[in-house]
Amino acid sequence: MKVVALCLYILVIAWVKVNSRPTTNEEYQKIEIDSILNAKEGNGTIYLHVLSDGTMLLRKTYSKVVNGYEVRVEEGSYSFIGPDKLLYKTTYIADERGYRAKTSFSNATATFVEDSIDPKVLISLLG
């Protein structure tokens, strides 16, 4: 009797696992490349990649001279629409001062809301 119950349990688990998987790719959104730009600009390059789901990547690289030394700079941004239907965006720059990034989010039609907090406000919250 225990063997029959165990076999029945295994069959039910196997059936649930098989039937919970998507059977076709129709359930997935087909994402296509809307546009790509890869060009030289001045002493650097610019790269833009836009997908049909709203994902975007922008990257600019160039050189500048700081205190007699040539410094390579990369700046850009990337954004995507999350599962909560908000648009998330990160803007960054990497240069002689290091890597700095700023993130923000909004719904698809509103203005971006920056996630940075004024240090004075943060200190007042800490007491």
N, C-alpha and C. Protein backbone atom coordinates (compact mmCIF):
# COMPACT_ATOMS: atom_id res chain seq x y z
N MET A 1 0.81 -1.19 0.00
CA MET A 1 0.00 0.00 0.00
C MET A 1 0.87 1.27 0.00
N LYS A 2 1.96 1.26 0.78
CA LYS A 2 2.86 2.41 0.82
C LYS A 2 3.51 2.63 -0.54
N VAL A 3 3.83 1.55 -1.25
CA VAL A 3 4.46 1.66 -2.57
C VAL A 3 3.49 2.29 -3.55
N VAL A 4 2.22 1.92 -3.50
CA VAL A 4 1.20 2.49 -4.39
C VAL A 4 1.04 3.98 -4.09
N ALA A 5 1.00 4.36 -2.83
CA ALA A 5 0.86 5.77 -2.45
C ALA A 5 2.07 6.57 -2.91
N LEU A 6 3.26 6.01 -2.75
CA LEU A 6 4.48 6.68 -3.19
C LEU A 6 4.49 6.86 -4.70
N CYS A 7 4.11 5.84 -5.44
CA CYS A 7 4.06 5.93 -6.91
C CYS A 7 3.04 6.97 -7.35
N LEU A 8 1.87 6.99 -6.70
CA LEU A 8 0.85 7.98 -7.02
C LEU A 8 1.36 9.39 -6.75
N TYR A 9 2.06 9.59 -5.63
CA TYR A 9 2.64 10.88 -5.28
C TYR A 9 3.64 11.33 -6.33
N ILE A 10 4.52 10.44 -6.75
CA ILE A 10 5.54 10.76 -7.77
C ILE A 10 4.87 11.11 -9.09
N LEU A 11 3.83 10.38 -9.48
CA LEU A 11 3.11 10.68 -10.73
C LEU A 11 2.45 12.06 -10.68
N VAL A 12 1.85 12.40 -9.55
CA VAL A 12 1.20 13.71 -9.42
C VAL A 12 2.24 14.83 -9.50
N ILE A 13 3.36 14.70 -8.82
CA ILE A 13 4.42 15.71 -8.87
C ILE A 13 4.96 15.85 -10.29
N ALA A 14 5.20 14.75 -10.97
CA ALA A 14 5.70 14.79 -12.35
C ALA A 14 4.69 15.46 -13.27
N TRP A 15 3.40 15.16 -13.09
CA TRP A 15 2.37 15.76 -13.94
C TRP A 15 2.31 17.28 -13.72
N VAL A 16 2.40 17.72 -12.47
CA VAL A 16 2.37 19.15 -12.17
C VAL A 16 3.58 19.85 -12.78
N LYS A 17 4.75 19.26 -12.67
CA LYS A 17 5.96 19.88 -13.23
C LYS A 17 5.87 19.98 -14.75
N VAL A 18 5.40 18.95 -15.41
CA VAL A 18 5.31 18.96 -16.88
C VAL A 18 4.27 19.96 -17.35
N ASN A 19 3.13 20.03 -16.69
CA ASN A 19 2.06 20.92 -17.14
C ASN A 19 2.26 22.37 -16.72
N SER A 20 3.17 22.66 -15.82
CA SER A 20 3.41 24.04 -15.42
C SER A 20 4.41 24.75 -16.32
N ARG A 21 5.07 24.02 -17.19
CA ARG A 21 6.04 24.62 -18.11
C ARG A 21 5.33 25.19 -19.33
N PRO A 22 5.82 26.31 -19.87
CA PRO A 22 5.24 26.82 -21.11
C PRO A 22 5.47 25.82 -22.24
N THR A 23 4.45 25.65 -23.05
CA THR A 23 4.55 24.66 -24.13
C THR A 23 5.07 25.26 -25.42
N THR A 24 4.91 26.56 -25.59
CA THR A 24 5.39 27.20 -26.81
C THR A 24 6.07 28.52 -26.47
N ASN A 25 6.76 29.08 -27.42
CA ASN A 25 7.40 30.38 -27.24
C ASN A 25 6.41 31.52 -27.45
N GLU A 26 5.15 31.21 -27.80
CA GLU A 26 4.16 32.26 -28.00
C GLU A 26 3.87 33.02 -26.71
N GLU A 27 4.13 32.39 -25.57
CA GLU A 27 3.88 33.03 -24.29
C GLU A 27 4.91 34.10 -23.97
N TYR A 28 6.02 34.11 -24.66
CA TYR A 28 7.08 35.08 -24.43
C TYR A 28 6.94 36.24 -25.40
N GLN A 29 7.24 37.44 -24.92
CA GLN A 29 7.22 38.60 -25.79
C GLN A 29 8.43 38.55 -26.71
N LYS A 30 8.20 38.71 -27.99
CA LYS A 30 9.31 38.73 -28.94
C LYS A 30 9.94 40.12 -28.89
N ILE A 31 11.22 40.17 -28.55
CA ILE A 31 11.94 41.44 -28.45
C ILE A 31 12.85 41.57 -29.67
N GLU A 32 12.72 42.71 -30.32
CA GLU A 32 13.52 42.97 -31.52
C GLU A 32 14.38 44.21 -31.31
N ILE A 33 15.41 44.33 -32.10
CA ILE A 33 16.27 45.51 -32.08
C ILE A 33 15.60 46.60 -32.89
N ASP A 34 15.30 47.74 -32.25
CA ASP A 34 14.71 48.86 -32.97
C ASP A 34 15.77 49.67 -33.69
N SER A 35 16.88 49.95 -33.02
CA SER A 35 17.93 50.71 -33.69
C SER A 35 19.27 50.49 -33.00
N ILE A 36 20.31 50.60 -33.81
CA ILE A 36 21.69 50.52 -33.32
C ILE A 36 22.47 51.63 -34.00
N LEU A 37 23.25 52.35 -33.21
CA LEU A 37 24.14 53.37 -33.75
C LEU A 37 25.51 53.12 -33.16
N ASN A 38 26.50 53.03 -34.00
CA ASN A 38 27.89 52.87 -33.57
C ASN A 38 28.72 53.77 -34.46
N ALA A 39 29.17 54.91 -33.92
CA ALA A 39 29.84 55.89 -34.77
C ALA A 39 30.99 56.55 -34.03
N LYS A 40 31.93 57.08 -34.81
CA LYS A 40 33.02 57.89 -34.25
C LYS A 40 32.50 59.31 -34.09
N GLU A 41 32.85 59.91 -32.97
CA GLU A 41 32.44 61.28 -32.70
C GLU A 41 33.60 62.01 -32.06
N GLY A 42 34.20 62.96 -32.76
CA GLY A 42 35.37 63.67 -32.24
C GLY A 42 36.51 62.71 -31.98
N ASN A 43 37.03 62.68 -30.75
CA ASN A 43 38.12 61.76 -30.42
C ASN A 43 37.61 60.52 -29.67
N GLY A 44 36.34 60.18 -29.89
CA GLY A 44 35.77 59.02 -29.21
C GLY A 44 34.72 58.33 -30.06
N THR A 45 33.89 57.58 -29.39
CA THR A 45 32.83 56.84 -30.07
C THR A 45 31.51 57.04 -29.34
N ILE A 46 30.44 56.76 -30.04
CA ILE A 46 29.11 56.78 -29.45
C ILE A 46 28.40 55.50 -29.88
N TYR A 47 27.73 54.89 -28.93
CA TYR A 47 27.03 53.63 -29.18
C TYR A 47 25.64 53.75 -28.59
N LEU A 48 24.62 53.47 -29.40
CA LEU A 48 23.23 53.51 -28.97
C LEU A 48 22.55 52.23 -29.40
N HIS A 49 21.83 51.62 -28.48
CA HIS A 49 21.16 50.35 -28.73
C HIS A 49 19.76 50.46 -28.14
N VAL A 50 18.71 50.33 -28.95
CA VAL A 50 17.33 50.44 -28.49
C VAL A 50 16.58 49.18 -28.88
N LEU A 51 15.87 48.57 -27.91
CA LEU A 51 15.09 47.36 -28.16
C LEU A 51 13.61 47.67 -28.13
N SER A 52 12.81 46.79 -28.73
CA SER A 52 11.38 47.02 -28.84
C SER A 52 10.65 46.98 -27.50
N ASP A 53 11.25 46.42 -26.46
CA ASP A 53 10.60 46.38 -25.15
C ASP A 53 10.88 47.62 -24.30
N GLY A 54 11.56 48.61 -24.88
CA GLY A 54 11.86 49.85 -24.16
C GLY A 54 13.24 49.90 -23.55
N THR A 55 14.01 48.82 -23.64
CA THR A 55 15.37 48.80 -23.12
C THR A 55 16.25 49.68 -24.00
N MET A 56 17.12 50.49 -23.37
CA MET A 56 18.00 51.37 -24.13
C MET A 56 19.37 51.43 -23.47
N LEU A 57 20.40 51.46 -24.29
CA LEU A 57 21.78 51.60 -23.82
C LEU A 57 22.44 52.69 -24.64
N LEU A 58 23.03 53.67 -23.97
CA LEU A 58 23.78 54.74 -24.63
C LEU A 58 25.14 54.81 -23.98
N ARG A 59 26.20 54.76 -24.79
CA ARG A 59 27.56 54.81 -24.25
C ARG A 59 28.41 55.73 -25.13
N LYS A 60 29.07 56.70 -24.49
CA LYS A 60 29.99 57.60 -25.19
C LYS A 60 31.36 57.46 -24.56
N THR A 61 32.39 57.37 -25.39
CA THR A 61 33.76 57.35 -24.90
C THR A 61 34.54 58.46 -25.59
N TYR A 62 35.45 59.06 -24.86
CA TYR A 62 36.31 60.09 -25.43
C TYR A 62 37.52 60.28 -24.53
N SER A 63 38.48 61.04 -25.03
CA SER A 63 39.70 61.34 -24.26
C SER A 63 39.73 62.82 -23.93
N LYS A 64 40.32 63.13 -22.77
CA LYS A 64 40.54 64.52 -22.40
C LYS A 64 41.87 64.60 -21.66
N VAL A 65 42.45 65.78 -21.62
CA VAL A 65 43.74 65.98 -20.96
C VAL A 65 43.49 66.64 -19.60
N VAL A 66 44.03 66.00 -18.55
CA VAL A 66 43.90 66.53 -17.19
C VAL A 66 45.30 66.56 -16.58
N ASN A 67 45.77 67.75 -16.22
CA ASN A 67 47.11 67.93 -15.63
C ASN A 67 48.21 67.32 -16.50
N GLY A 68 48.08 67.47 -17.80
CA GLY A 68 49.09 66.97 -18.72
C GLY A 68 48.98 65.50 -19.07
N TYR A 69 48.01 64.80 -18.50
CA TYR A 69 47.83 63.37 -18.79
C TYR A 69 46.54 63.15 -19.58
N GLU A 70 46.60 62.25 -20.53
CA GLU A 70 45.39 61.91 -21.29
C GLU A 70 44.54 60.95 -20.46
N VAL A 71 43.28 61.29 -20.31
CA VAL A 71 42.34 60.48 -19.51
C VAL A 71 41.24 59.99 -20.44
N ARG A 72 40.97 58.71 -20.37
CA ARG A 72 39.88 58.11 -21.14
C ARG A 72 38.60 58.22 -20.30
N VAL A 73 37.54 58.71 -20.91
CA VAL A 73 36.27 58.92 -20.22
C VAL A 73 35.19 58.08 -20.89
N GLU A 74 34.37 57.46 -20.07
CA GLU A 74 33.19 56.76 -20.59
C GLU A 74 31.99 57.26 -19.81
N GLU A 75 30.97 57.66 -20.54
CA GLU A 75 29.74 58.09 -19.89
C GLU A 75 28.56 57.56 -20.69
N GLY A 76 27.45 57.41 -20.02
CA GLY A 76 26.28 56.90 -20.71
C GLY A 76 25.14 56.61 -19.77
N SER A 77 24.20 55.84 -20.29
CA SER A 77 23.03 55.46 -19.50
C SER A 77 22.43 54.19 -20.07
N TYR A 78 21.67 53.54 -19.23
CA TYR A 78 20.87 52.41 -19.70
C TYR A 78 19.55 52.43 -18.95
N SER A 79 18.51 51.95 -19.61
CA SER A 79 17.19 51.94 -18.99
C SER A 79 16.41 50.72 -19.45
N PHE A 80 15.45 50.34 -18.63
CA PHE A 80 14.58 49.21 -18.97
C PHE A 80 13.26 49.37 -18.23
N ILE A 81 12.24 48.69 -18.71
CA ILE A 81 10.93 48.69 -18.06
C ILE A 81 10.85 47.44 -17.21
N GLY A 82 10.66 47.61 -15.91
CA GLY A 82 10.62 46.49 -14.98
C GLY A 82 9.29 45.78 -14.99
N PRO A 83 9.20 44.66 -14.28
CA PRO A 83 7.94 43.91 -14.21
C PRO A 83 6.82 44.70 -13.55
N ASP A 84 7.17 45.75 -12.79
CA ASP A 84 6.17 46.60 -12.15
C ASP A 84 5.74 47.75 -13.07
N LYS A 85 6.15 47.70 -14.34
CA LYS A 85 5.80 48.69 -15.37
C LYS A 85 6.42 50.06 -15.13
N LEU A 86 7.45 50.13 -14.30
CA LEU A 86 8.19 51.38 -14.11
C LEU A 86 9.41 51.37 -15.01
N LEU A 87 9.80 52.55 -15.46
CA LEU A 87 11.00 52.70 -16.28
C LEU A 87 12.17 53.02 -15.35
N TYR A 88 13.16 52.15 -15.31
CA TYR A 88 14.35 52.33 -14.47
C TYR A 88 15.48 52.83 -15.35
N LYS A 89 16.21 53.83 -14.87
CA LYS A 89 17.29 54.42 -15.65
C LYS A 89 18.52 54.63 -14.77
N THR A 90 19.67 54.27 -15.29
CA THR A 90 20.95 54.51 -14.62
C THR A 90 21.81 55.35 -15.55
N THR A 91 22.32 56.45 -15.05
CA THR A 91 23.24 57.31 -15.79
C THR A 91 24.58 57.25 -15.07
N TYR A 92 25.67 57.15 -15.83
CA TYR A 92 26.98 56.97 -15.20
C TYR A 92 28.06 57.74 -15.96
N ILE A 93 29.18 57.95 -15.26
CA ILE A 93 30.39 58.50 -15.88
C ILE A 93 31.58 57.87 -15.17
N ALA A 94 32.60 57.54 -15.93
CA ALA A 94 33.85 57.02 -15.38
C ALA A 94 34.97 57.86 -15.98
N ASP A 95 35.72 58.54 -15.10
CA ASP A 95 36.80 59.40 -15.56
C ASP A 95 37.89 59.44 -14.50
N GLU A 96 38.68 60.52 -14.46
CA GLU A 96 39.79 60.60 -13.51
C GLU A 96 39.30 60.66 -12.06
N ARG A 97 38.04 60.94 -11.85
CA ARG A 97 37.48 61.00 -10.50
C ARG A 97 36.81 59.69 -10.09
N GLY A 98 36.91 58.67 -10.93
CA GLY A 98 36.31 57.37 -10.61
C GLY A 98 34.99 57.15 -11.32
N TYR A 99 34.28 56.13 -10.86
CA TYR A 99 32.99 55.76 -11.44
C TYR A 99 31.88 56.34 -10.57
N ARG A 100 30.96 57.06 -11.21
CA ARG A 100 29.83 57.63 -10.49
C ARG A 100 28.56 57.30 -11.27
N ALA A 101 27.55 56.86 -10.55
CA ALA A 101 26.29 56.49 -11.19
C ALA A 101 25.12 57.09 -10.41
N LYS A 102 24.05 57.34 -11.13
CA LYS A 102 22.83 57.86 -10.52
C LYS A 102 21.67 57.08 -11.12
N THR A 103 20.80 56.57 -10.27
CA THR A 103 19.65 55.81 -10.76
C THR A 103 18.37 56.60 -10.53
N SER A 104 17.39 56.33 -11.36
CA SER A 104 16.10 56.99 -11.24
C SER A 104 15.03 56.06 -11.79
N PHE A 105 13.78 56.40 -11.50
CA PHE A 105 12.68 55.59 -12.02
C PHE A 105 11.46 56.47 -12.24
N SER A 106 10.56 56.02 -13.09
CA SER A 106 9.31 56.72 -13.35
C SER A 106 8.36 55.77 -14.06
N ASN A 107 7.10 56.19 -14.17
CA ASN A 107 6.25 55.43 -15.06
C ASN A 107 6.57 55.90 -16.47
N ALA A 108 6.01 55.29 -17.46
CA ALA A 108 6.43 55.54 -18.84
C ALA A 108 6.17 56.97 -19.29
N THR A 109 5.25 57.70 -18.65
CA THR A 109 4.90 59.03 -19.14
C THR A 109 5.31 60.16 -18.21
N ALA A 110 5.72 59.86 -16.98
CA ALA A 110 6.02 60.91 -16.01
C ALA A 110 7.49 61.30 -16.04
N THR A 111 7.81 62.36 -15.32
CA THR A 111 9.19 62.82 -15.19
C THR A 111 9.94 61.88 -14.25
N PHE A 112 11.23 61.72 -14.49
CA PHE A 112 12.04 60.84 -13.65
C PHE A 112 12.11 61.37 -12.22
N VAL A 113 12.10 60.45 -11.26
CA VAL A 113 12.27 60.76 -9.85
C VAL A 113 13.64 60.25 -9.44
N GLU A 114 14.51 61.15 -9.05
CA GLU A 114 15.87 60.76 -8.68
C GLU A 114 15.85 60.06 -7.33
N ASP A 115 16.73 59.08 -7.16
CA ASP A 115 16.77 58.34 -5.91
C ASP A 115 17.78 58.91 -4.91
N SER A 116 18.47 59.97 -5.28
CA SER A 116 19.47 60.51 -4.36
C SER A 116 18.80 61.35 -3.27
N ILE A 117 19.36 61.29 -2.07
CA ILE A 117 18.82 62.03 -0.93
C ILE A 117 19.84 63.08 -0.53
N ASP A 118 19.36 64.27 -0.26
CA ASP A 118 20.23 65.35 0.20
C ASP A 118 20.92 64.91 1.50
N PRO A 119 22.25 65.01 1.58
CA PRO A 119 22.96 64.58 2.78
C PRO A 119 22.46 65.24 4.06
N LYS A 120 22.02 66.51 3.99
CA LYS A 120 21.50 67.20 5.18
C LYS A 120 20.22 66.52 5.68
N VAL A 121 19.37 66.11 4.74
CA VAL A 121 18.14 65.42 5.12
C VAL A 121 18.47 64.07 5.74
N LEU A 122 19.42 63.36 5.16
CA LEU A 122 19.82 62.06 5.69
C LEU A 122 20.38 62.18 7.10
N ILE A 123 21.22 63.18 7.34
CA ILE A 123 21.79 63.40 8.68
C ILE A 123 20.68 63.73 9.68
N SER A 124 19.70 64.54 9.26
CA SER A 124 18.61 64.88 10.18
C SER A 124 17.77 63.65 10.52
N LEU A 125 17.64 62.71 9.60
CA LEU A 125 16.89 61.48 9.88
C LEU A 125 17.64 60.58 10.85
N LEU A 126 18.97 60.62 10.79
CA LEU A 126 19.77 59.78 11.68
C LEU A 126 19.85 60.35 13.10
N GLY A 127 19.51 61.60 13.24
CA GLY A 127 19.49 62.20 14.58
C GLY A 127 20.71 62.92 14.87
